Amino acid sequence: MTVIRQGRWWALGGSLTLVAVVTGTLALRSADPACAVQAAAAAATKGKATFYDGEGGNCSYPSAPADRMYVALSPSEYDAGAPCGGYLDVTGPKGKVRVKVTDQCPPCTPGHIDLSREAFAKIANPVDGVVPVTYTEVVSPSTPALTFRIKEGASQYWFAVLVDNTGNALRSVEAKGPGGSFRAAARAEYNYWIVESGLGAGPYSIRVTDVRGRSATATGITMSPGKTQTARVRMNGAAAVPEKATTPPPSKKPTPSPKPTRPPATSAPPTSVGTAAVAAPLDVAVGLGTRCT
């Protein structure tokens, strides 16, 4: 009799075996995170893939991606949460799929990735159970506006935030309260960034930098545990909500002419880039950091 419940399914000896329901994620180790991860991205990794059913995962995202394209990797690749939020392109017998790193797979060995059932079905026949694959880190994919989620139990005395829609894995998160200076947060293995002594009651400014040197700063993040707050900025440097157009100074009245002239064209307001505006958008600043050569 086959038992059906959430879990990982691997094909062994022609039969399907249910493996412990613990999820996994990819991490790339480096002495210099920005440069070493960038160098690693140039080479594809050959390995194998299985699949499982799950929600959320060790990276602590509240739910699976809307398209359910996600991946879990071995403990050494998960590297205490370092690759959370990054993406992989995975090529299998039937094709290619892009998946988000959301989880860890303790039973997996290096090179063994555990895909969502839906992602696996795009590159192989699920009946196969285990298939050879090649996977590569995606460099700076386009993503929606950054989101910030203050952890349940956080307060003015203990600060913890989850950042999503980063595209690349994050290298650092810094935060400050009103009138304060930016303080470095430490990433927990479950992907929250923590300032143990807290940052006061807020609102907060949060600056994030990814492993490729891109950075963005959101302000107005409130102490609202368990609530996802959407910023006006994306990690690719484009504003998700346009700034207000400034009114140009009135032009000098033209000298009368015997022939009618066409009135000067007015500048059009900037168009919105990215996702739709939220009900109470947050102020942001964005910049690009240095890149490896």
Protein backbone atom coordinates (compact mmCIF):
# COMPACT_ATOMS: atom_id res chain seq x y z
CA MET A 1 0.00 0.00 0.00
CA THR A 2 1.31 3.44 -0.92
CA VAL A 3 1.08 6.11 1.77
CA ILE A 4 0.21 9.55 0.37
CA ARG A 5 1.05 12.65 2.41
CA GLN A 6 3.41 15.58 2.20
CA GLY A 7 6.93 14.40 1.68
CA ARG A 8 9.82 13.74 -0.63
CA TRP A 9 9.47 11.00 -3.23
CA TRP A 10 12.58 9.33 -4.55
CA ALA A 11 12.64 6.43 -7.02
CA LEU A 12 14.71 3.55 -5.64
CA GLY A 13 14.83 0.12 -7.29
CA GLY A 14 11.75 0.86 -9.41
CA SER A 15 9.51 1.81 -6.49
CA LEU A 16 8.63 5.08 -4.83
CA THR A 17 9.87 5.56 -1.29
CA LEU A 18 8.60 8.27 1.05
CA VAL A 19 11.49 10.08 2.72
CA ALA A 20 11.36 12.25 5.85
CA VAL A 21 9.49 15.50 5.33
CA VAL A 22 12.28 17.99 5.84
CA THR A 23 12.87 20.59 3.18
CA GLY A 24 16.06 22.05 1.64
CA THR A 25 17.74 25.02 -0.08
CA LEU A 26 20.84 26.01 -2.08
CA ALA A 27 23.77 28.00 -0.78
CA LEU A 28 27.05 28.95 -2.36
CA ARG A 29 29.99 29.29 0.01
CA SER A 30 32.67 31.90 -0.34
CA ALA A 31 35.29 33.69 1.69
CA ASP A 32 34.22 36.88 -0.08
CA PRO A 33 30.47 36.35 -0.66
CA ALA A 34 30.09 38.93 -3.42
CA CYS A 35 33.02 37.77 -5.55
CA ALA A 36 33.11 34.04 -4.87
CA VAL A 37 29.40 33.57 -5.50
CA GLN A 38 29.72 35.54 -8.72
CA ALA A 39 32.58 33.30 -9.85
CA ALA A 40 30.60 30.17 -8.97
CA ALA A 41 27.70 31.35 -11.10
CA ALA A 42 29.81 31.00 -14.25
CA ALA A 43 29.90 27.20 -13.97
CA ALA A 44 26.94 24.83 -14.09
CA THR A 45 26.62 22.03 -11.55
CA LYS A 46 25.80 18.50 -12.67
CA GLY A 47 23.77 16.44 -10.26
CA LYS A 48 20.40 14.81 -9.76
CA ALA A 49 16.90 15.96 -8.87
CA THR A 50 14.00 14.52 -6.93
CA PHE A 51 10.73 16.21 -5.94
CA TYR A 52 8.53 16.83 -2.90
CA ASP A 53 5.41 18.65 -1.78
CA GLY A 54 5.72 21.46 0.73
CA GLU A 55 4.89 25.01 1.75
CA GLY A 56 7.21 27.70 3.06
CA GLY A 57 10.37 25.93 4.13
CA ASN A 58 13.51 26.66 6.13
CA CYS A 59 13.84 30.11 4.50
CA SER A 60 10.67 31.07 6.45
CA TYR A 61 8.70 32.50 3.55
CA PRO A 62 5.02 32.46 4.62
CA SER A 63 4.01 30.39 1.59
CA ALA A 64 5.42 28.78 -1.52
CA PRO A 65 5.90 31.00 -4.61
CA ALA A 66 2.65 31.63 -6.46
CA ASP A 67 3.86 29.57 -9.43
CA ARG A 68 5.10 26.83 -7.07
CA MET A 69 8.50 26.78 -8.74
CA TYR A 70 10.88 26.24 -5.81
CA VAL A 71 13.85 24.13 -4.75
CA ALA A 72 15.45 22.68 -1.62
CA LEU A 73 19.15 21.80 -1.41
CA SER A 74 21.60 19.92 0.72
CA PRO A 75 22.80 21.26 4.10
CA SER A 76 26.22 22.20 2.75
CA GLU A 77 24.65 24.16 -0.13
CA TYR A 78 22.00 25.67 2.14
CA ASP A 79 24.88 27.02 4.24
CA ALA A 80 22.77 28.30 7.15
CA GLY A 81 20.36 30.17 4.90
CA ALA A 82 22.91 32.06 2.78
CA PRO A 83 21.25 31.37 -0.62
CA CYS A 84 17.62 31.98 0.41
CA GLY A 85 15.74 34.07 -2.14
CA GLY A 86 18.13 33.33 -5.01
CA TYR A 87 17.14 31.45 -8.17
CA LEU A 88 18.43 28.48 -10.15
CA ASP A 89 17.92 27.48 -13.76
CA VAL A 90 17.56 23.69 -13.82
CA THR A 91 17.83 21.62 -17.01
CA GLY A 92 16.56 18.05 -17.11
CA PRO A 93 15.56 15.40 -19.66
CA LYS A 94 12.43 17.25 -20.80
CA GLY A 95 13.46 20.89 -20.57
CA LYS A 96 14.40 23.79 -18.34
CA VAL A 97 12.77 25.49 -15.34
CA ARG A 98 13.62 28.44 -13.09
CA VAL A 99 13.13 27.86 -9.37
CA LYS A 100 13.44 29.93 -6.20
CA VAL A 101 15.55 28.76 -3.27
CA THR A 102 13.16 28.42 -0.32
CA ASP A 103 14.20 25.42 1.72
CA GLN A 104 16.77 22.90 3.00
CA CYS A 105 16.90 19.15 2.38
CA PRO A 106 18.82 17.41 5.21
CA PRO A 107 18.91 13.96 3.51
CA CYS A 108 20.33 15.44 0.29
CA THR A 109 24.03 15.32 -0.54
CA PRO A 110 25.85 18.07 -2.50
CA GLY A 111 24.58 18.14 -6.09
CA HIS A 112 21.23 16.60 -5.15
CA ILE A 113 18.44 19.17 -5.49
CA ASP A 114 14.86 18.58 -4.38
CA LEU A 115 12.34 20.36 -6.59
CA SER A 116 8.68 21.06 -6.08
CA ARG A 117 6.45 18.50 -7.78
CA GLU A 118 5.34 21.14 -10.28
CA ALA A 119 8.90 22.17 -11.17
CA PHE A 120 10.02 18.55 -11.56
CA ALA A 121 7.16 17.89 -13.98
CA LYS A 122 8.52 20.60 -16.29
CA ILE A 123 11.90 18.90 -16.70
CA ALA A 124 11.08 15.19 -16.33
CA ASN A 125 8.37 12.60 -16.01
CA PRO A 126 7.39 12.37 -12.30
CA VAL A 127 7.23 8.58 -12.68
CA ASP A 128 11.02 8.59 -13.07
CA GLY A 129 11.44 9.90 -9.52
CA VAL A 130 15.17 10.68 -9.86
CA VAL A 131 16.72 12.26 -12.95
CA PRO A 132 20.09 13.74 -13.93
CA VAL A 133 20.10 17.53 -14.10
CA THR A 134 22.36 20.51 -14.60
CA TYR A 135 21.68 23.65 -12.58
CA THR A 136 23.08 27.17 -12.64
CA GLU A 137 22.63 30.21 -10.42
CA VAL A 138 20.55 32.95 -12.05
CA VAL A 139 22.24 36.35 -12.04
CA SER A 140 20.06 39.29 -10.95
CA PRO A 141 16.64 38.19 -12.24
CA SER A 142 13.87 40.78 -12.41
CA THR A 143 11.67 40.67 -9.30
CA PRO A 144 8.69 42.59 -7.87
CA ALA A 145 9.01 45.25 -5.17
CA LEU A 146 10.88 44.26 -2.03
CA THR A 147 8.79 43.07 0.90
CA PHE A 148 9.59 43.12 4.61
CA ARG A 149 8.00 40.96 7.30
CA ILE A 150 8.65 41.64 10.99
CA LYS A 151 8.76 38.36 12.89
CA GLU A 152 6.09 37.39 15.38
CA GLY A 153 7.38 38.13 18.87
CA ALA A 154 9.56 41.05 17.72
CA SER A 155 9.40 44.31 19.65
CA GLN A 156 11.32 47.52 20.25
CA TYR A 157 13.74 45.39 22.28
CA TRP A 158 14.30 42.59 19.71
CA PHE A 159 14.27 43.25 15.96
CA ALA A 160 13.85 40.52 13.34
CA VAL A 161 12.90 41.00 9.68
CA LEU A 162 12.43 38.71 6.67
CA VAL A 163 13.23 40.25 3.27
CA ASP A 164 11.74 38.83 0.06
CA ASN A 165 11.80 39.49 -3.70
CA THR A 166 15.56 40.06 -3.65
CA GLY A 167 16.35 38.13 -6.85
CA ASN A 168 19.88 37.32 -5.72
CA ALA A 169 20.81 35.98 -2.30
CA LEU A 170 21.49 38.70 0.26
CA ARG A 171 24.91 39.58 1.61
CA SER A 172 23.83 42.00 4.34
CA VAL A 173 20.88 43.76 5.97
CA GLU A 174 21.21 46.93 8.04
CA ALA A 175 18.46 48.75 9.88
CA LYS A 176 17.92 51.81 12.04
CA GLY A 177 15.18 53.52 13.99
CA PRO A 178 14.35 57.26 14.00
CA GLY A 179 17.45 59.36 14.65
CA GLY A 180 19.71 56.31 14.86
CA SER A 181 22.54 54.97 12.75
CA PHE A 182 22.41 51.86 10.59
CA ARG A 183 23.24 48.71 12.52
CA ALA A 184 24.16 45.39 10.95
CA ALA A 185 21.66 42.57 11.40
CA ALA A 186 22.77 38.94 11.72
CA ARG A 187 21.10 36.32 9.55
CA ALA A 188 19.60 33.38 11.40
CA GLU A 189 19.61 29.93 9.80
CA TYR A 190 15.87 30.37 9.23
CA ASN A 191 16.55 33.50 7.10
CA TYR A 192 15.37 36.27 9.44
CA TRP A 193 17.81 39.14 9.98
CA ILE A 194 18.13 39.97 13.67
CA VAL A 195 19.33 42.83 15.85
CA GLU A 196 19.32 41.25 19.29
CA SER A 197 19.15 44.48 21.30
CA GLY A 198 16.34 45.94 19.19
CA LEU A 199 16.01 49.25 17.36
CA GLY A 200 13.28 50.98 19.29
CA ALA A 201 9.62 51.30 18.37
CA GLY A 202 10.18 52.35 14.74
CA PRO A 203 9.40 53.15 12.04
CA TYR A 204 12.58 51.76 10.55
CA SER A 205 14.86 52.29 7.58
CA ILE A 206 16.20 49.02 6.19
CA ARG A 207 19.11 48.78 3.76
CA VAL A 208 19.68 45.49 1.95
CA THR A 209 22.67 44.51 -0.19
CA ASP A 210 22.84 41.37 -2.32
CA VAL A 211 25.80 39.19 -3.26
CA ARG A 212 26.17 41.08 -6.55
CA GLY A 213 26.60 44.45 -4.86
CA ARG A 214 23.12 45.81 -5.61
CA SER A 215 21.57 47.72 -2.72
CA ALA A 216 18.26 49.33 -1.86
CA THR A 217 16.91 51.19 1.16
CA ALA A 218 13.29 51.29 2.29
CA THR A 219 11.97 53.62 4.97
CA GLY A 220 8.76 53.64 6.94
CA ILE A 221 8.80 49.95 7.89
CA THR A 222 6.64 49.66 11.00
CA MET A 223 6.74 47.30 13.98
CA SER A 224 3.88 45.15 12.68
CA PRO A 225 4.75 41.52 13.51
CA GLY A 226 3.43 38.96 11.05
CA LYS A 227 2.44 41.54 8.43
CA THR A 228 4.09 41.74 5.01
CA GLN A 229 4.96 45.33 4.07
CA THR A 230 5.68 46.20 0.43
CA ALA A 231 8.24 48.87 -0.44
CA ARG A 232 8.43 51.13 -3.49
CA VAL A 233 11.71 49.75 -4.74
CA ARG A 234 13.09 46.69 -6.46
CA MET A 235 16.60 45.31 -6.21
CA ASN A 236 17.25 45.94 -9.89
CA GLY A 237 17.22 49.67 -9.12
CA ALA A 238 13.82 50.50 -10.63
CA ALA A 239 11.17 52.16 -8.52
CA ALA A 240 8.02 50.08 -8.19
CA VAL A 241 5.96 53.24 -7.67
CA PRO A 242 6.82 56.47 -9.50
CA GLU A 243 7.85 59.61 -7.66
CA LYS A 244 5.57 62.61 -7.97
CA ALA A 245 6.31 64.65 -11.07
CA THR A 246 7.69 68.09 -10.35
CA THR A 247 6.00 71.10 -11.93
CA PRO A 248 8.41 72.97 -14.22
CA PRO A 249 8.73 76.75 -13.69
CA PRO A 250 6.55 78.86 -16.00
CA SER A 251 8.28 79.65 -19.28
CA LYS A 252 8.91 83.18 -20.42
CA LYS A 253 6.04 84.62 -22.41
CA PRO A 254 6.97 84.43 -26.12
CA THR A 255 7.19 87.52 -28.29
CA PRO A 256 3.97 88.00 -30.31
CA SER A 257 4.23 86.74 -33.85
CA PRO A 258 2.02 87.44 -36.85
CA LYS A 259 1.70 83.70 -37.37
CA PRO A 260 0.14 81.45 -34.69
CA THR A 261 2.61 79.09 -33.09
CA ARG A 262 1.97 75.72 -31.49
CA PRO A 263 2.10 75.89 -27.68
CA PRO A 264 5.17 74.20 -26.16
CA ALA A 265 4.69 70.53 -25.25
CA THR A 266 4.47 69.72 -21.58
CA SER A 267 6.50 66.90 -20.09
CA ALA A 268 4.58 63.72 -19.38
CA PRO A 269 4.55 62.33 -15.85
CA PRO A 270 6.83 59.30 -15.29
CA THR A 271 5.31 55.90 -15.94
CA SER A 272 5.07 53.25 -13.26
CA VAL A 273 7.65 50.49 -13.30
CA GLY A 274 7.10 47.16 -11.62
CA THR A 275 4.16 46.11 -9.49
CA ALA A 276 1.06 48.11 -8.63
CA ALA A 277 1.20 50.58 -5.76
CA VAL A 278 0.14 49.40 -2.34
CA ALA A 279 -2.38 51.19 -0.18
CA ALA A 280 0.25 52.89 1.96
CA PRO A 281 3.54 52.79 -0.02
CA LEU A 282 6.86 53.27 1.68
CA ASP A 283 9.53 55.83 0.86
CA VAL A 284 12.72 54.42 -0.60
CA ALA A 285 16.19 55.19 -1.78
CA VAL A 286 18.14 52.94 -4.11
CA GLY A 287 21.73 52.62 -5.25
CA LEU A 288 24.16 50.22 -6.86
CA GLY A 289 27.17 48.90 -5.03
CA THR A 290 30.50 47.76 -6.41
CA ARG A 291 30.79 44.68 -8.55
CA CYS A 292 33.56 42.13 -8.90
CA THR A 293 35.89 42.32 -11.86
